[in-house]
mmCIF file of all heavy atoms, coordinates in Angstrom:
data_MODEL
# 
_entry.id   MODEL 
# 
loop_
_atom_site.group_PDB 
_atom_site.id 
_atom_site.type_symbol 
_atom_site.label_atom_id 
_atom_site.label_alt_id 
_atom_site.label_comp_id 
_atom_site.label_asym_id 
_atom_site.label_entity_id 
_atom_site.label_seq_id 
_atom_site.pdbx_PDB_ins_code 
_atom_site.Cartn_x 
_atom_site.Cartn_y 
_atom_site.Cartn_z 
_atom_site.occupancy 
_atom_site.B_iso_or_equiv 
_atom_site.pdbx_formal_charge 
_atom_site.auth_seq_id 
_atom_site.auth_comp_id 
_atom_site.auth_asym_id 
_atom_site.auth_atom_id 
_atom_site.pdbx_PDB_model_num 
ATOM 1   N N   . TYR A 1 1  ? 0.841  -1.195 0.015   1.00 0.00 ? 1  TYR A N   1 
ATOM 2   C CA  . TYR A 1 1  ? 0.000  0.020  0.000   1.00 0.00 ? 1  TYR A CA  1 
ATOM 3   C C   . TYR A 1 1  ? 0.864  1.256  -0.008  1.00 0.00 ? 1  TYR A C   1 
ATOM 4   O O   . TYR A 1 1  ? 0.617  2.206  -0.749  1.00 0.00 ? 1  TYR A O   1 
ATOM 5   C CB  . TYR A 1 1  ? -0.916 0.002  1.231   1.00 0.00 ? 1  TYR A CB  1 
ATOM 6   C CG  . TYR A 1 1  ? -1.669 1.281  1.441   1.00 0.00 ? 1  TYR A CG  1 
ATOM 7   C CD1 . TYR A 1 1  ? -2.865 1.537  0.764   1.00 0.00 ? 1  TYR A CD1 1 
ATOM 8   C CD2 . TYR A 1 1  ? -1.177 2.308  2.248   1.00 0.00 ? 1  TYR A CD2 1 
ATOM 9   C CE1 . TYR A 1 1  ? -3.541 2.723  0.911   1.00 0.00 ? 1  TYR A CE1 1 
ATOM 10  C CE2 . TYR A 1 1  ? -1.833 3.497  2.436   1.00 0.00 ? 1  TYR A CE2 1 
ATOM 11  C CZ  . TYR A 1 1  ? -3.034 3.711  1.759   1.00 0.00 ? 1  TYR A CZ  1 
ATOM 12  O OH  . TYR A 1 1  ? -3.687 4.903  1.916   1.00 0.00 ? 1  TYR A OH  1 
ATOM 13  N N   . VAL A 1 2  ? 1.926  1.264  0.834   1.00 0.00 ? 2  VAL A N   1 
ATOM 14  C CA  . VAL A 1 2  ? 2.832  2.392  0.897   1.00 0.00 ? 2  VAL A CA  1 
ATOM 15  C C   . VAL A 1 2  ? 3.521  2.616  -0.455  1.00 0.00 ? 2  VAL A C   1 
ATOM 16  O O   . VAL A 1 2  ? 3.630  3.746  -0.961  1.00 0.00 ? 2  VAL A O   1 
ATOM 17  C CB  . VAL A 1 2  ? 3.870  2.186  2.023   1.00 0.00 ? 2  VAL A CB  1 
ATOM 18  C CG1 . VAL A 1 2  ? 4.999  3.227  1.893   1.00 0.00 ? 2  VAL A CG1 1 
ATOM 19  C CG2 . VAL A 1 2  ? 3.224  2.289  3.377   1.00 0.00 ? 2  VAL A CG2 1 
ATOM 20  N N   . LEU A 1 3  ? 3.949  1.541  -1.090  1.00 0.00 ? 3  LEU A N   1 
ATOM 21  C CA  . LEU A 1 3  ? 4.595  1.652  -2.401  1.00 0.00 ? 3  LEU A CA  1 
ATOM 22  C C   . LEU A 1 3  ? 3.643  2.279  -3.421  1.00 0.00 ? 3  LEU A C   1 
ATOM 23  O O   . LEU A 1 3  ? 4.027  3.210  -4.153  1.00 0.00 ? 3  LEU A O   1 
ATOM 24  C CB  . LEU A 1 3  ? 5.066  0.300  -2.878  1.00 0.00 ? 3  LEU A CB  1 
ATOM 25  C CG  . LEU A 1 3  ? 6.236  -0.365 -2.152  1.00 0.00 ? 3  LEU A CG  1 
ATOM 26  C CD1 . LEU A 1 3  ? 6.585  -1.698 -2.817  1.00 0.00 ? 3  LEU A CD1 1 
ATOM 27  C CD2 . LEU A 1 3  ? 7.455  0.542  -2.136  1.00 0.00 ? 3  LEU A CD2 1 
ATOM 28  N N   . ALA A 1 4  ? 2.415  1.810  -3.435  1.00 0.00 ? 4  ALA A N   1 
ATOM 29  C CA  . ALA A 1 4  ? 1.454  2.361  -4.395  1.00 0.00 ? 4  ALA A CA  1 
ATOM 30  C C   . ALA A 1 4  ? 1.125  3.810  -4.099  1.00 0.00 ? 4  ALA A C   1 
ATOM 31  O O   . ALA A 1 4  ? 1.006  4.616  -5.008  1.00 0.00 ? 4  ALA A O   1 
ATOM 32  C CB  . ALA A 1 4  ? 0.161  1.496  -4.369  1.00 0.00 ? 4  ALA A CB  1 
ATOM 33  N N   . PHE A 1 5  ? 0.999  4.126  -2.820  1.00 0.00 ? 5  PHE A N   1 
ATOM 34  C CA  . PHE A 1 5  ? 0.705  5.493  -2.405  1.00 0.00 ? 5  PHE A CA  1 
ATOM 35  C C   . PHE A 1 5  ? 1.832  6.438  -2.817  1.00 0.00 ? 5  PHE A C   1 
ATOM 36  O O   . PHE A 1 5  ? 1.578  7.527  -3.362  1.00 0.00 ? 5  PHE A O   1 
ATOM 37  C CB  . PHE A 1 5  ? 0.519  5.525  -0.889  1.00 0.00 ? 5  PHE A CB  1 
ATOM 38  C CG  . PHE A 1 5  ? -0.067 6.803  -0.336  1.00 0.00 ? 5  PHE A CG  1 
ATOM 39  C CD1 . PHE A 1 5  ? -1.425 6.925  -0.111  1.00 0.00 ? 5  PHE A CD1 1 
ATOM 40  C CD2 . PHE A 1 5  ? 0.771  7.880  -0.044  1.00 0.00 ? 5  PHE A CD2 1 
ATOM 41  C CE1 . PHE A 1 5  ? -1.954 8.135  0.392   1.00 0.00 ? 5  PHE A CE1 1 
ATOM 42  C CE2 . PHE A 1 5  ? 0.263  9.070  0.455   1.00 0.00 ? 5  PHE A CE2 1 
ATOM 43  C CZ  . PHE A 1 5  ? -1.107 9.196  0.672   1.00 0.00 ? 5  PHE A CZ  1 
ATOM 44  N N   . VAL A 1 6  ? 3.080  6.028  -2.580  1.00 0.00 ? 6  VAL A N   1 
ATOM 45  C CA  . VAL A 1 6  ? 4.225  6.857  -2.903  1.00 0.00 ? 6  VAL A CA  1 
ATOM 46  C C   . VAL A 1 6  ? 4.386  6.996  -4.409  1.00 0.00 ? 6  VAL A C   1 
ATOM 47  O O   . VAL A 1 6  ? 4.687  8.076  -4.917  1.00 0.00 ? 6  VAL A O   1 
ATOM 48  C CB  . VAL A 1 6  ? 5.527  6.312  -2.244  1.00 0.00 ? 6  VAL A CB  1 
ATOM 49  C CG1 . VAL A 1 6  ? 6.770  6.970  -2.809  1.00 0.00 ? 6  VAL A CG1 1 
ATOM 50  C CG2 . VAL A 1 6  ? 5.448  6.440  -0.737  1.00 0.00 ? 6  VAL A CG2 1 
ATOM 51  N N   . ARG A 1 7  ? 4.124  5.907  -5.138  1.00 0.00 ? 7  ARG A N   1 
ATOM 52  C CA  . ARG A 1 7  ? 4.174  5.989  -6.614  1.00 0.00 ? 7  ARG A CA  1 
ATOM 53  C C   . ARG A 1 7  ? 3.185  7.039  -7.103  1.00 0.00 ? 7  ARG A C   1 
ATOM 54  O O   . ARG A 1 7  ? 3.483  7.826  -8.030  1.00 0.00 ? 7  ARG A O   1 
ATOM 55  C CB  . ARG A 1 7  ? 3.845  4.659  -7.219  1.00 0.00 ? 7  ARG A CB  1 
ATOM 56  C CG  . ARG A 1 7  ? 5.017  3.736  -7.382  1.00 0.00 ? 7  ARG A CG  1 
ATOM 57  C CD  . ARG A 1 7  ? 4.711  2.661  -8.428  1.00 0.00 ? 7  ARG A CD  1 
ATOM 58  N NE  . ARG A 1 7  ? 3.513  1.891  -8.073  1.00 0.00 ? 7  ARG A NE  1 
ATOM 59  C CZ  . ARG A 1 7  ? 3.532  0.688  -7.508  1.00 0.00 ? 7  ARG A CZ  1 
ATOM 60  N NH1 . ARG A 1 7  ? 4.684  0.106  -7.262  1.00 0.00 ? 7  ARG A NH1 1 
ATOM 61  N NH2 . ARG A 1 7  ? 2.409  0.077  -7.198  1.00 0.00 ? 7  ARG A NH2 1 
ATOM 62  N N   . ARG A 1 8  ? 2.006  7.065  -6.519  1.00 0.00 ? 8  ARG A N   1 
ATOM 63  C CA  . ARG A 1 8  ? 0.940  7.969  -6.992  1.00 0.00 ? 8  ARG A CA  1 
ATOM 64  C C   . ARG A 1 8  ? 1.234  9.401  -6.635  1.00 0.00 ? 8  ARG A C   1 
ATOM 65  O O   . ARG A 1 8  ? 1.096  10.308 -7.481  1.00 0.00 ? 8  ARG A O   1 
ATOM 66  C CB  . ARG A 1 8  ? -0.398 7.550  -6.383  1.00 0.00 ? 8  ARG A CB  1 
ATOM 67  C CG  . ARG A 1 8  ? -1.585 8.455  -6.793  1.00 0.00 ? 8  ARG A CG  1 
ATOM 68  C CD  . ARG A 1 8  ? -2.900 7.859  -6.345  1.00 0.00 ? 8  ARG A CD  1 
ATOM 69  N NE  . ARG A 1 8  ? -3.004 7.727  -4.901  1.00 0.00 ? 8  ARG A NE  1 
ATOM 70  C CZ  . ARG A 1 8  ? -3.385 8.727  -4.096  1.00 0.00 ? 8  ARG A CZ  1 
ATOM 71  N NH1 . ARG A 1 8  ? -3.683 9.910  -4.608  1.00 0.00 ? 8  ARG A NH1 1 
ATOM 72  N NH2 . ARG A 1 8  ? -3.475 8.526  -2.784  1.00 0.00 ? 8  ARG A NH2 1 
ATOM 73  N N   . LEU A 1 9  ? 1.672  9.660  -5.404  1.00 0.00 ? 9  LEU A N   1 
ATOM 74  C CA  . LEU A 1 9  ? 1.835  11.066 -4.937  1.00 0.00 ? 9  LEU A CA  1 
ATOM 75  C C   . LEU A 1 9  ? 3.253  11.593 -5.233  1.00 0.00 ? 9  LEU A C   1 
ATOM 76  O O   . LEU A 1 9  ? 3.430  12.823 -5.423  1.00 0.00 ? 9  LEU A O   1 
ATOM 77  C CB  . LEU A 1 9  ? 1.562  11.174 -3.448  1.00 0.00 ? 9  LEU A CB  1 
ATOM 78  C CG  . LEU A 1 9  ? 0.335  12.043 -3.075  1.00 0.00 ? 9  LEU A CG  1 
ATOM 79  C CD1 . LEU A 1 9  ? -0.906 11.449 -3.703  1.00 0.00 ? 9  LEU A CD1 1 
ATOM 80  C CD2 . LEU A 1 9  ? 0.202  12.120 -1.547  1.00 0.00 ? 9  LEU A CD2 1 
ATOM 81  N N   . TYR A 1 10 ? 4.249  10.729 -5.254  1.00 0.00 ? 10 TYR A N   1 
ATOM 82  C CA  . TYR A 1 10 ? 5.635  11.180 -5.319  1.00 0.00 ? 10 TYR A CA  1 
ATOM 83  C C   . TYR A 1 10 ? 6.406  10.550 -6.458  1.00 0.00 ? 10 TYR A C   1 
ATOM 84  O O   . TYR A 1 10 ? 7.665  10.579 -6.462  1.00 0.00 ? 10 TYR A O   1 
ATOM 85  C CB  . TYR A 1 10 ? 6.344  10.910 -4.011  1.00 0.00 ? 10 TYR A CB  1 
ATOM 86  C CG  . TYR A 1 10 ? 5.711  11.596 -2.835  1.00 0.00 ? 10 TYR A CG  1 
ATOM 87  C CD1 . TYR A 1 10 ? 4.948  10.868 -1.933  1.00 0.00 ? 10 TYR A CD1 1 
ATOM 88  C CD2 . TYR A 1 10 ? 5.859  12.951 -2.615  1.00 0.00 ? 10 TYR A CD2 1 
ATOM 89  C CE1 . TYR A 1 10 ? 4.341  11.474 -0.824  1.00 0.00 ? 10 TYR A CE1 1 
ATOM 90  C CE2 . TYR A 1 10 ? 5.261  13.586 -1.538  1.00 0.00 ? 10 TYR A CE2 1 
ATOM 91  C CZ  . TYR A 1 10 ? 4.487  12.836 -0.645  1.00 0.00 ? 10 TYR A CZ  1 
ATOM 92  O OH  . TYR A 1 10 ? 3.901  13.444 0.427   1.00 0.00 ? 10 TYR A OH  1 
ATOM 93  N N   . GLY A 1 11 ? 5.724  9.916  -7.419  1.00 0.00 ? 11 GLY A N   1 
ATOM 94  C CA  . GLY A 1 11 ? 6.477  9.281  -8.526  1.00 0.00 ? 11 GLY A CA  1 
ATOM 95  C C   . GLY A 1 11 ? 7.424  10.200 -9.204  1.00 0.00 ? 11 GLY A C   1 
ATOM 96  O O   . GLY A 1 11 ? 8.495  9.796  -9.654  1.00 0.00 ? 11 GLY A O   1 
ATOM 97  N N   . ASN A 1 12 ? 7.068  11.501 -9.323  1.00 0.00 ? 12 ASN A N   1 
ATOM 98  C CA  . ASN A 1 12 ? 7.943  12.446 -9.997  1.00 0.00 ? 12 ASN A CA  1 
ATOM 99  C C   . ASN A 1 12 ? 9.173  12.818 -9.185  1.00 0.00 ? 12 ASN A C   1 
ATOM 100 O O   . ASN A 1 12 ? 10.100 13.442 -9.696  1.00 0.00 ? 12 ASN A O   1 
ATOM 101 C CB  . ASN A 1 12 ? 7.157  13.736 -10.339 1.00 0.00 ? 12 ASN A CB  1 
ATOM 102 C CG  . ASN A 1 12 ? 6.632  14.408 -9.116  1.00 0.00 ? 12 ASN A CG  1 
ATOM 103 O OD1 . ASN A 1 12 ? 6.154  13.755 -8.187  1.00 0.00 ? 12 ASN A OD1 1 
ATOM 104 N ND2 . ASN A 1 12 ? 6.707  15.739 -9.059  1.00 0.00 ? 12 ASN A ND2 1 
ATOM 105 N N   . LEU A 1 13 ? 9.186  12.471 -7.864  1.00 0.00 ? 13 LEU A N   1 
ATOM 106 C CA  . LEU A 1 13 ? 10.307 12.794 -7.000  1.00 0.00 ? 13 LEU A CA  1 
ATOM 107 C C   . LEU A 1 13 ? 11.272 11.630 -6.808  1.00 0.00 ? 13 LEU A C   1 
ATOM 108 O O   . LEU A 1 13 ? 12.394 11.838 -6.303  1.00 0.00 ? 13 LEU A O   1 
ATOM 109 C CB  . LEU A 1 13 ? 9.818  13.292 -5.637  1.00 0.00 ? 13 LEU A CB  1 
ATOM 110 C CG  . LEU A 1 13 ? 8.877  14.487 -5.630  1.00 0.00 ? 13 LEU A CG  1 
ATOM 111 C CD1 . LEU A 1 13 ? 8.659  14.934 -4.144  1.00 0.00 ? 13 LEU A CD1 1 
ATOM 112 C CD2 . LEU A 1 13 ? 9.436  15.643 -6.414  1.00 0.00 ? 13 LEU A CD2 1 
ATOM 113 N N   . LEU A 1 14 ? 10.844 10.440 -7.145  1.00 0.00 ? 14 LEU A N   1 
ATOM 114 C CA  . LEU A 1 14 ? 11.686 9.254  -6.929  1.00 0.00 ? 14 LEU A CA  1 
ATOM 115 C C   . LEU A 1 14 ? 12.855 9.281  -7.900  1.00 0.00 ? 14 LEU A C   1 
ATOM 116 O O   . LEU A 1 14 ? 12.705 9.628  -9.078  1.00 0.00 ? 14 LEU A O   1 
ATOM 117 C CB  . LEU A 1 14 ? 10.889 7.980  -7.115  1.00 0.00 ? 14 LEU A CB  1 
ATOM 118 C CG  . LEU A 1 14 ? 9.740  7.707  -6.118  1.00 0.00 ? 14 LEU A CG  1 
ATOM 119 C CD1 . LEU A 1 14 ? 8.921  6.514  -6.544  1.00 0.00 ? 14 LEU A CD1 1 
ATOM 120 C CD2 . LEU A 1 14 ? 10.321 7.517  -4.714  1.00 0.00 ? 14 LEU A CD2 1 
ATOM 121 N N   . ASN A 1 15 ? 14.044 8.885  -7.394  1.00 0.00 ? 15 ASN A N   1 
ATOM 122 C CA  . ASN A 1 15 ? 15.222 8.824  -8.289  1.00 0.00 ? 15 ASN A CA  1 
ATOM 123 C C   . ASN A 1 15 ? 15.318 7.436  -8.937  1.00 0.00 ? 15 ASN A C   1 
ATOM 124 O O   . ASN A 1 15 ? 14.506 6.547  -8.681  1.00 0.00 ? 15 ASN A O   1 
ATOM 125 C CB  . ASN A 1 15 ? 16.497 9.238  -7.551  1.00 0.00 ? 15 ASN A CB  1 
ATOM 126 C CG  . ASN A 1 15 ? 16.838 8.273  -6.434  1.00 0.00 ? 15 ASN A CG  1 
ATOM 127 O OD1 . ASN A 1 15 ? 16.434 7.099  -6.414  1.00 0.00 ? 15 ASN A OD1 1 
ATOM 128 N ND2 . ASN A 1 15 ? 17.618 8.730  -5.460  1.00 0.00 ? 15 ASN A ND2 1 
ATOM 129 N N   . GLU A 1 16 ? 16.313 7.285  -9.734  1.00 0.00 ? 16 GLU A N   1 
ATOM 130 C CA  . GLU A 1 16 ? 16.466 6.018  -10.508 1.00 0.00 ? 16 GLU A CA  1 
ATOM 131 C C   . GLU A 1 16 ? 16.619 4.824  -9.597  1.00 0.00 ? 16 GLU A C   1 
ATOM 132 O O   . GLU A 1 16 ? 16.035 3.763  -9.818  1.00 0.00 ? 16 GLU A O   1 
ATOM 133 C CB  . GLU A 1 16 ? 17.663 6.148  -11.443 1.00 0.00 ? 16 GLU A CB  1 
ATOM 134 C CG  . GLU A 1 16 ? 17.856 4.932  -12.371 1.00 0.00 ? 16 GLU A CG  1 
ATOM 135 C CD  . GLU A 1 16 ? 19.004 5.119  -13.310 1.00 0.00 ? 16 GLU A CD  1 
ATOM 136 O OE1 . GLU A 1 16 ? 19.500 6.265  -13.459 1.00 0.00 ? 16 GLU A OE1 1 
ATOM 137 O OE2 . GLU A 1 16 ? 19.419 4.105  -13.935 1.00 0.00 ? 16 GLU A OE2 1 
ATOM 138 N N   . ALA A 1 17 ? 17.431 4.972  -8.483  1.00 0.00 ? 17 ALA A N   1 
ATOM 139 C CA  . ALA A 1 17 ? 17.663 3.856  -7.565  1.00 0.00 ? 17 ALA A CA  1 
ATOM 140 C C   . ALA A 1 17 ? 16.370 3.437  -6.871  1.00 0.00 ? 17 ALA A C   1 
ATOM 141 O O   . ALA A 1 17 ? 16.119 2.246  -6.627  1.00 0.00 ? 17 ALA A O   1 
ATOM 142 C CB  . ALA A 1 17 ? 18.732 4.246  -6.570  1.00 0.00 ? 17 ALA A CB  1 
ATOM 143 N N   . GLU A 1 18 ? 15.541 4.403  -6.547  1.00 0.00 ? 18 GLU A N   1 
ATOM 144 C CA  . GLU A 1 18 ? 14.297 4.115  -5.849  1.00 0.00 ? 18 GLU A CA  1 
ATOM 145 C C   . GLU A 1 18 ? 13.295 3.418  -6.756  1.00 0.00 ? 18 GLU A C   1 
ATOM 146 O O   . GLU A 1 18 ? 12.602 2.484  -6.368  1.00 0.00 ? 18 GLU A O   1 
ATOM 147 C CB  . GLU A 1 18 ? 13.733 5.388  -5.247  1.00 0.00 ? 18 GLU A CB  1 
ATOM 148 C CG  . GLU A 1 18 ? 14.581 5.911  -4.065  1.00 0.00 ? 18 GLU A CG  1 
ATOM 149 C CD  . GLU A 1 18 ? 14.589 7.407  -3.936  1.00 0.00 ? 18 GLU A CD  1 
ATOM 150 O OE1 . GLU A 1 18 ? 13.816 8.117  -4.635  1.00 0.00 ? 18 GLU A OE1 1 
ATOM 151 O OE2 . GLU A 1 18 ? 15.365 7.907  -3.092  1.00 0.00 ? 18 GLU A OE2 1 
ATOM 152 N N   . TRP A 1 19 ? 13.224 3.883  -8.002  1.00 0.00 ? 19 TRP A N   1 
ATOM 153 C CA  . TRP A 1 19 ? 12.353 3.204  -8.974  1.00 0.00 ? 19 TRP A CA  1 
ATOM 154 C C   . TRP A 1 19 ? 12.881 1.806  -9.264  1.00 0.00 ? 19 TRP A C   1 
ATOM 155 O O   . TRP A 1 19 ? 12.076 0.843  -9.391  1.00 0.00 ? 19 TRP A O   1 
ATOM 156 C CB  . TRP A 1 19 ? 12.311 3.994  -10.280 1.00 0.00 ? 19 TRP A CB  1 
ATOM 157 C CG  . TRP A 1 19 ? 11.235 5.034  -10.311 1.00 0.00 ? 19 TRP A CG  1 
ATOM 158 C CD1 . TRP A 1 19 ? 11.404 6.394  -10.413 1.00 0.00 ? 19 TRP A CD1 1 
ATOM 159 C CD2 . TRP A 1 19 ? 9.833  4.799  -10.264 1.00 0.00 ? 19 TRP A CD2 1 
ATOM 160 N NE1 . TRP A 1 19 ? 10.163 7.018  -10.416 1.00 0.00 ? 19 TRP A NE1 1 
ATOM 161 C CE2 . TRP A 1 19 ? 9.173  6.069  -10.340 1.00 0.00 ? 19 TRP A CE2 1 
ATOM 162 C CE3 . TRP A 1 19 ? 9.049  3.629  -10.181 1.00 0.00 ? 19 TRP A CE3 1 
ATOM 163 C CZ2 . TRP A 1 19 ? 7.816  6.204  -10.277 1.00 0.00 ? 19 TRP A CZ2 1 
ATOM 164 C CZ3 . TRP A 1 19 ? 7.653  3.785  -10.114 1.00 0.00 ? 19 TRP A CZ3 1 
ATOM 165 C CH2 . TRP A 1 19 ? 7.058  5.055  -10.204 1.00 0.00 ? 19 TRP A CH2 1 
ATOM 166 N N   . ASP A 1 20 ? 14.204 1.614  -9.295  1.00 0.00 ? 20 ASP A N   1 
ATOM 167 C CA  . ASP A 1 20 ? 14.785 0.316  -9.527  1.00 0.00 ? 20 ASP A CA  1 
ATOM 168 C C   . ASP A 1 20 ? 14.409 -0.658 -8.392  1.00 0.00 ? 20 ASP A C   1 
ATOM 169 O O   . ASP A 1 20 ? 14.056 -1.810 -8.642  1.00 0.00 ? 20 ASP A O   1 
ATOM 170 C CB  . ASP A 1 20 ? 16.295 0.427  -9.641  1.00 0.00 ? 20 ASP A CB  1 
ATOM 171 C CG  . ASP A 1 20 ? 16.985 -0.903 -9.884  1.00 0.00 ? 20 ASP A CG  1 
ATOM 172 O OD1 . ASP A 1 20 ? 16.609 -1.576 -10.861 1.00 0.00 ? 20 ASP A OD1 1 
ATOM 173 O OD2 . ASP A 1 20 ? 17.861 -1.290 -9.077  1.00 0.00 ? 20 ASP A OD2 1 
ATOM 174 N N   . PHE A 1 21 ? 14.462 -0.140 -7.148  1.00 0.00 ? 21 PHE A N   1 
ATOM 175 C CA  . PHE A 1 21 ? 14.098 -0.976 -5.997  1.00 0.00 ? 21 PHE A CA  1 
ATOM 176 C C   . PHE A 1 21 ? 12.631 -1.421 -6.155  1.00 0.00 ? 21 PHE A C   1 
ATOM 177 O O   . PHE A 1 21 ? 12.301 -2.609 -5.963  1.00 0.00 ? 21 PHE A O   1 
ATOM 178 C CB  . PHE A 1 21 ? 14.267 -0.234 -4.700  1.00 0.00 ? 21 PHE A CB  1 
ATOM 179 C CG  . PHE A 1 21 ? 13.543 -0.840 -3.550  1.00 0.00 ? 21 PHE A CG  1 
ATOM 180 C CD1 . PHE A 1 21 ? 14.023 -1.990 -2.936  1.00 0.00 ? 21 PHE A CD1 1 
ATOM 181 C CD2 . PHE A 1 21 ? 12.335 -0.323 -3.116  1.00 0.00 ? 21 PHE A CD2 1 
ATOM 182 C CE1 . PHE A 1 21 ? 13.336 -2.583 -1.907  1.00 0.00 ? 21 PHE A CE1 1 
ATOM 183 C CE2 . PHE A 1 21 ? 11.626 -0.910 -2.092  1.00 0.00 ? 21 PHE A CE2 1 
ATOM 184 C CZ  . PHE A 1 21 ? 12.112 -2.039 -1.454  1.00 0.00 ? 21 PHE A CZ  1 
ATOM 185 N N   . ILE A 1 22 ? 11.728 -0.470 -6.432  1.00 0.00 ? 22 ILE A N   1 
ATOM 186 C CA  . ILE A 1 22 ? 10.299 -0.790 -6.504  1.00 0.00 ? 22 ILE A CA  1 
ATOM 187 C C   . ILE A 1 22 ? 10.043 -1.836 -7.590  1.00 0.00 ? 22 ILE A C   1 
ATOM 188 O O   . ILE A 1 22 ? 9.341  -2.846 -7.389  1.00 0.00 ? 22 ILE A O   1 
ATOM 189 C CB  . ILE A 1 22 ? 9.480  0.486  -6.760  1.00 0.00 ? 22 ILE A CB  1 
ATOM 190 C CG1 . ILE A 1 22 ? 9.542  1.405  -5.545  1.00 0.00 ? 22 ILE A CG1 1 
ATOM 191 C CG2 . ILE A 1 22 ? 8.028  0.136  -7.105  1.00 0.00 ? 22 ILE A CG2 1 
ATOM 192 C CD1 . ILE A 1 22 ? 8.897  2.757  -5.781  1.00 0.00 ? 22 ILE A CD1 1 
ATOM 193 N N   . ASN A 1 23 ? 10.653 -1.623 -8.764  1.00 0.00 ? 23 ASN A N   1 
ATOM 194 C CA  . ASN A 1 23 ? 10.425 -2.540 -9.906  1.00 0.00 ? 23 ASN A CA  1 
ATOM 195 C C   . ASN A 1 23 ? 10.976 -3.935 -9.586  1.00 0.00 ? 23 ASN A C   1 
ATOM 196 O O   . ASN A 1 23 ? 10.312 -4.932 -9.906  1.00 0.00 ? 23 ASN A O   1 
ATOM 197 C CB  . ASN A 1 23 ? 11.061 -1.993 -11.166 1.00 0.00 ? 23 ASN A CB  1 
ATOM 198 C CG  . ASN A 1 23 ? 10.353 -0.739 -11.639 1.00 0.00 ? 23 ASN A CG  1 
ATOM 199 O OD1 . ASN A 1 23 ? 9.161  -0.550 -11.452 1.00 0.00 ? 23 ASN A OD1 1 
ATOM 200 N ND2 . ASN A 1 23 ? 11.094 0.164  -12.302 1.00 0.00 ? 23 ASN A ND2 1 
ATOM 201 N N   . ARG A 1 24 ? 12.151 -4.007 -8.989  1.00 0.00 ? 24 ARG A N   1 
ATOM 202 C CA  . ARG A 1 24 ? 12.742 -5.317 -8.675  1.00 0.00 ? 24 ARG A CA  1 
ATOM 203 C C   . ARG A 1 24 ? 12.008 -5.991 -7.531  1.00 0.00 ? 24 ARG A C   1 
ATOM 204 O O   . ARG A 1 24 ? 11.857 -7.221 -7.548  1.00 0.00 ? 24 ARG A O   1 
ATOM 205 C CB  . ARG A 1 24 ? 14.200 -5.137 -8.325  1.00 0.00 ? 24 ARG A CB  1 
ATOM 206 C CG  . ARG A 1 24 ? 15.058 -4.750 -9.553  1.00 0.00 ? 24 ARG A CG  1 
ATOM 207 C CD  . ARG A 1 24 ? 16.461 -4.347 -9.173  1.00 0.00 ? 24 ARG A CD  1 
ATOM 208 N NE  . ARG A 1 24 ? 17.203 -5.431 -8.541  1.00 0.00 ? 24 ARG A NE  1 
ATOM 209 C CZ  . ARG A 1 24 ? 18.471 -5.334 -8.104  1.00 0.00 ? 24 ARG A CZ  1 
ATOM 210 N NH1 . ARG A 1 24 ? 19.114 -4.163 -8.245  1.00 0.00 ? 24 ARG A NH1 1 
ATOM 211 N NH2 . ARG A 1 24 ? 19.072 -6.343 -7.529  1.00 0.00 ? 24 ARG A NH2 1 
# 
């Protein structure tokens, strides 16, 4: 739930490493 919430509200602020973590 936290991952989905952060993706929705802060997806534009996440850096490459954070997106890589979520995807993996």
